[in-house]
Amino acid sequence: MDLFLKIRKLIATANSDLLFVDPYLDANFVSQYLPHIPMGVKTRLLAREKLPSLRPAVKLLAQQSQMPIEVRSAPNFHDRYFIVDGKDCYQSGASFKDGGRNAPTTITQITDAFPAVHRTYEELWQKGKPEL
């Protein structure tokens, strides 16, 4: 299955909260994924490297759609995850913005390590710098 389609299907299951963790989130990520998030789902983006591209794209989408979106940045993270409603966690082998374009990759559901992963990235989110 196409990686973009698989991720879109998974994020469409969100009911209340969606947290994306990826240092390379950018404007392309916004257009590829965020329109597929159900209305009313609080969306949080933890990013770092592409903020000059990410911020204006998020701001525009939030204004046009009334979607609740927050962006924060933090140092010292590399892995890419998305957590749906605080209960389902998926790790991507590539940046969400690339989606396996440059090399084969996978999306893996994190189950046994979920509590530790969830706690780690919620703490990073809480300590992160608000960007938008």
C-alpha atoms as a PDB file:
ATOM      1  CA  MET A   1       0.000   0.000   0.000  1.00  0.00           C
ATOM      2  CA  ASP A   2       1.206   3.495  -0.781  1.00  0.00           C
ATOM      3  CA  LEU A   3       2.784   5.011   2.339  1.00  0.00           C
ATOM      4  CA  PHE A   4       0.928   8.319   2.019  1.00  0.00           C
ATOM      5  CA  LEU A   5      -2.400   6.494   1.733  1.00  0.00           C
ATOM      6  CA  LYS A   6      -1.626   4.255   4.736  1.00  0.00           C
ATOM      7  CA  ILE A   7      -0.759   7.238   6.934  1.00  0.00           C
ATOM      8  CA  ARG A   8      -3.848   9.143   5.795  1.00  0.00           C
ATOM      9  CA  LYS A   9      -6.052   6.168   6.699  1.00  0.00           C
ATOM     10  CA  LEU A  10      -4.485   5.897  10.141  1.00  0.00           C
ATOM     11  CA  ILE A  11      -4.785   9.603  10.968  1.00  0.00           C
ATOM     12  CA  ALA A  12      -8.394   9.595   9.769  1.00  0.00           C
ATOM     13  CA  THR A  13      -9.180   7.344  12.761  1.00  0.00           C
ATOM     14  CA  ALA A  14      -8.318  10.119  15.240  1.00  0.00           C
ATOM     15  CA  ASN A  15     -11.156  11.326  17.459  1.00  0.00           C
ATOM     16  CA  SER A  16      -9.538  13.895  19.728  1.00  0.00           C
ATOM     17  CA  ASP A  17      -5.747  14.296  19.482  1.00  0.00           C
ATOM     18  CA  LEU A  18      -2.996  13.687  16.973  1.00  0.00           C
ATOM     19  CA  LEU A  19       0.696  14.254  17.698  1.00  0.00           C
ATOM     20  CA  PHE A  20       3.236  14.173  14.852  1.00  0.00           C
ATOM     21  CA  VAL A  21       6.921  14.021  15.795  1.00  0.00           C
ATOM     22  CA  ASP A  22       9.362  14.628  12.943  1.00  0.00           C
ATOM     23  CA  PRO A  23      12.225  17.136  12.832  1.00  0.00           C
ATOM     24  CA  TYR A  24      11.655  17.693   9.097  1.00  0.00           C
ATOM     25  CA  LEU A  25       7.951  18.572   8.902  1.00  0.00           C
ATOM     26  CA  ASP A  26       7.404  21.223   6.221  1.00  0.00           C
ATOM     27  CA  ALA A  27       4.746  22.828   4.007  1.00  0.00           C
ATOM     28  CA  ASN A  28       4.499  19.693   1.845  1.00  0.00           C
ATOM     29  CA  PHE A  29       3.651  17.653   4.930  1.00  0.00           C
ATOM     30  CA  VAL A  30       0.824  20.077   5.711  1.00  0.00           C
ATOM     31  CA  SER A  31      -0.797  19.716   2.288  1.00  0.00           C
ATOM     32  CA  GLN A  32      -0.273  15.926   2.119  1.00  0.00           C
ATOM     33  CA  TYR A  33      -1.702  14.983   5.504  1.00  0.00           C
ATOM     34  CA  LEU A  34      -3.465  17.650   7.514  1.00  0.00           C
ATOM     35  CA  PRO A  35      -6.540  17.982   5.256  1.00  0.00           C
ATOM     36  CA  HIS A  36      -7.236  14.292   6.012  1.00  0.00           C
ATOM     37  CA  ILE A  37      -7.536  14.809   9.767  1.00  0.00           C
ATOM     38  CA  PRO A  38     -11.149  14.753  10.999  1.00  0.00           C
ATOM     39  CA  MET A  39     -12.671  18.091  11.977  1.00  0.00           C
ATOM     40  CA  GLY A  40     -12.232  19.006  15.632  1.00  0.00           C
ATOM     41  CA  VAL A  41      -9.184  16.805  16.224  1.00  0.00           C
ATOM     42  CA  LYS A  42      -6.497  18.760  18.052  1.00  0.00           C
ATOM     43  CA  THR A  43      -3.337  18.437  15.977  1.00  0.00           C
ATOM     44  CA  ARG A  44       0.134  18.939  17.414  1.00  0.00           C
ATOM     45  CA  LEU A  45       3.300  19.082  15.341  1.00  0.00           C
ATOM     46  CA  LEU A  46       6.711  18.706  16.974  1.00  0.00           C
ATOM     47  CA  ALA A  47       9.310  19.767  14.422  1.00  0.00           C
ATOM     48  CA  ARG A  48      12.627  21.581  14.127  1.00  0.00           C
ATOM     49  CA  GLU A  49      14.498  21.868  10.834  1.00  0.00           C
ATOM     50  CA  LYS A  50      11.929  23.237   8.362  1.00  0.00           C
ATOM     51  CA  LEU A  51      10.027  25.713  10.555  1.00  0.00           C
ATOM     52  CA  PRO A  52      10.259  28.625   8.056  1.00  0.00           C
ATOM     53  CA  SER A  53       8.282  26.497   5.588  1.00  0.00           C
ATOM     54  CA  LEU A  54       6.031  24.790   8.154  1.00  0.00           C
ATOM     55  CA  ARG A  55       4.749  27.801  10.116  1.00  0.00           C
ATOM     56  CA  PRO A  56       3.085  29.756   7.274  1.00  0.00           C
ATOM     57  CA  ALA A  57       1.514  26.613   5.771  1.00  0.00           C
ATOM     58  CA  VAL A  58       0.038  25.616   9.142  1.00  0.00           C
ATOM     59  CA  LYS A  59      -1.168  29.150   9.828  1.00  0.00           C
ATOM     60  CA  LEU A  60      -2.947  29.344   6.472  1.00  0.00           C
ATOM     61  CA  LEU A  61      -4.604  25.937   6.844  1.00  0.00           C
ATOM     62  CA  ALA A  62      -5.712  26.719  10.388  1.00  0.00           C
ATOM     63  CA  GLN A  63      -7.281  30.008   9.247  1.00  0.00           C
ATOM     64  CA  GLN A  64      -9.038  28.422   6.280  1.00  0.00           C
ATOM     65  CA  SER A  65     -10.301  25.307   8.055  1.00  0.00           C
ATOM     66  CA  GLN A  66     -10.640  26.378  11.707  1.00  0.00           C
ATOM     67  CA  MET A  67      -8.537  23.295  12.502  1.00  0.00           C
ATOM     68  CA  PRO A  68      -6.897  23.444  15.957  1.00  0.00           C
ATOM     69  CA  ILE A  69      -3.171  23.087  15.187  1.00  0.00           C
ATOM     70  CA  GLU A  70      -0.177  23.799  17.398  1.00  0.00           C
ATOM     71  CA  VAL A  71       3.481  23.732  16.383  1.00  0.00           C
ATOM     72  CA  ARG A  72       6.391  23.394  18.776  1.00  0.00           C
ATOM     73  CA  SER A  73      10.091  22.844  18.304  1.00  0.00           C
ATOM     74  CA  ALA A  74      12.591  20.974  20.441  1.00  0.00           C
ATOM     75  CA  PRO A  75      16.213  19.863  20.174  1.00  0.00           C
ATOM     76  CA  ASN A  76      17.598  16.359  20.382  1.00  0.00           C
ATOM     77  CA  PHE A  77      15.111  14.122  18.629  1.00  0.00           C
ATOM     78  CA  HIS A  78      15.486  12.206  15.398  1.00  0.00           C
ATOM     79  CA  ASP A  79      12.797   9.534  15.141  1.00  0.00           C
ATOM     80  CA  ARG A  80       9.456  10.058  13.446  1.00  0.00           C
ATOM     81  CA  TYR A  81       6.189   9.078  15.129  1.00  0.00           C
ATOM     82  CA  PHE A  82       2.542   9.871  15.140  1.00  0.00           C
ATOM     83  CA  ILE A  83       0.330   9.137  18.094  1.00  0.00           C
ATOM     84  CA  VAL A  84      -3.423   8.868  17.634  1.00  0.00           C
ATOM     85  CA  ASP A  85      -5.665   9.784  20.588  1.00  0.00           C
ATOM     86  CA  GLY A  86      -2.887   8.970  23.065  1.00  0.00           C
ATOM     87  CA  LYS A  87      -3.372   5.245  22.499  1.00  0.00           C
ATOM     88  CA  ASP A  88      -2.014   4.187  19.094  1.00  0.00           C
ATOM     89  CA  CYS A  89       1.556   4.952  18.067  1.00  0.00           C
ATOM     90  CA  TYR A  90       3.270   4.491  14.717  1.00  0.00           C
ATOM     91  CA  GLN A  91       6.907   4.970  13.755  1.00  0.00           C
ATOM     92  CA  SER A  92       7.965   5.926  10.248  1.00  0.00           C
ATOM     93  CA  GLY A  93      11.291   4.866   8.820  1.00  0.00           C
ATOM     94  CA  ALA A  94      11.431   8.078   6.771  1.00  0.00           C
ATOM     95  CA  SER A  95      10.369  11.644   7.253  1.00  0.00           C
ATOM     96  CA  PHE A  96       6.630  12.063   6.712  1.00  0.00           C
ATOM     97  CA  LYS A  97       7.341  14.738   4.133  1.00  0.00           C
ATOM     98  CA  ASP A  98       9.291  12.240   1.990  1.00  0.00           C
ATOM     99  CA  GLY A  99       7.061   9.243   2.524  1.00  0.00           C
ATOM    100  CA  GLY A 100       9.431   6.699   1.052  1.00  0.00           C
ATOM    101  CA  ARG A 101      10.108   8.746  -2.081  1.00  0.00           C
ATOM    102  CA  ASN A 102      13.872   8.495  -1.686  1.00  0.00           C
ATOM    103  CA  ALA A 103      14.112   4.896  -0.427  1.00  0.00           C
ATOM    104  CA  PRO A 104      11.828   2.093   0.700  1.00  0.00           C
ATOM    105  CA  THR A 105      10.458   2.544   4.200  1.00  0.00           C
ATOM    106  CA  THR A 106       7.834   1.236   6.589  1.00  0.00           C
ATOM    107  CA  ILE A 107       5.249   2.374   9.106  1.00  0.00           C
ATOM    108  CA  THR A 108       5.417   0.240  12.246  1.00  0.00           C
ATOM    109  CA  GLN A 109       2.907   0.225  15.068  1.00  0.00           C
ATOM    110  CA  ILE A 110       4.594   0.546  18.460  1.00  0.00           C
ATOM    111  CA  THR A 111       2.892  -1.640  21.050  1.00  0.00           C
ATOM    112  CA  ASP A 112       5.180  -3.045  23.784  1.00  0.00           C
ATOM    113  CA  ALA A 113       7.264   0.137  24.041  1.00  0.00           C
ATOM    114  CA  PHE A 114       4.263   2.444  23.667  1.00  0.00           C
ATOM    115  CA  PRO A 115       4.164   3.760  27.278  1.00  0.00           C
ATOM    116  CA  ALA A 116       7.832   4.806  27.157  1.00  0.00           C
ATOM    117  CA  VAL A 117       7.588   6.319  23.667  1.00  0.00           C
ATOM    118  CA  HIS A 118       4.389   8.168  24.521  1.00  0.00           C
ATOM    119  CA  ARG A 119       5.822   9.538  27.759  1.00  0.00           C
ATOM    120  CA  THR A 120       9.072  10.612  26.051  1.00  0.00           C
ATOM    121  CA  TYR A 121       7.384  12.611  23.307  1.00  0.00           C
ATOM    122  CA  GLU A 122       4.676  14.104  25.523  1.00  0.00           C
ATOM    123  CA  GLU A 123       7.470  15.391  27.782  1.00  0.00           C
ATOM    124  CA  LEU A 124       9.364  16.733  24.773  1.00  0.00           C
ATOM    125  CA  TRP A 125       6.145  18.428  23.595  1.00  0.00           C
ATOM    126  CA  GLN A 126       5.575  20.017  27.005  1.00  0.00           C
ATOM    127  CA  LYS A 127       9.143  21.345  27.106  1.00  0.00           C
ATOM    128  CA  GLY A 128       9.082  22.406  23.446  1.00  0.00           C
ATOM    129  CA  LYS A 129       9.151  25.996  22.257  1.00  0.00           C
ATOM    130  CA  PRO A 130       5.763  27.207  20.952  1.00  0.00           C
ATOM    131  CA  GLU A 131       6.144  28.173  17.288  1.00  0.00           C
ATOM    132  CA  LEU A 132       2.493  28.672  16.352  1.00  0.00           C
END
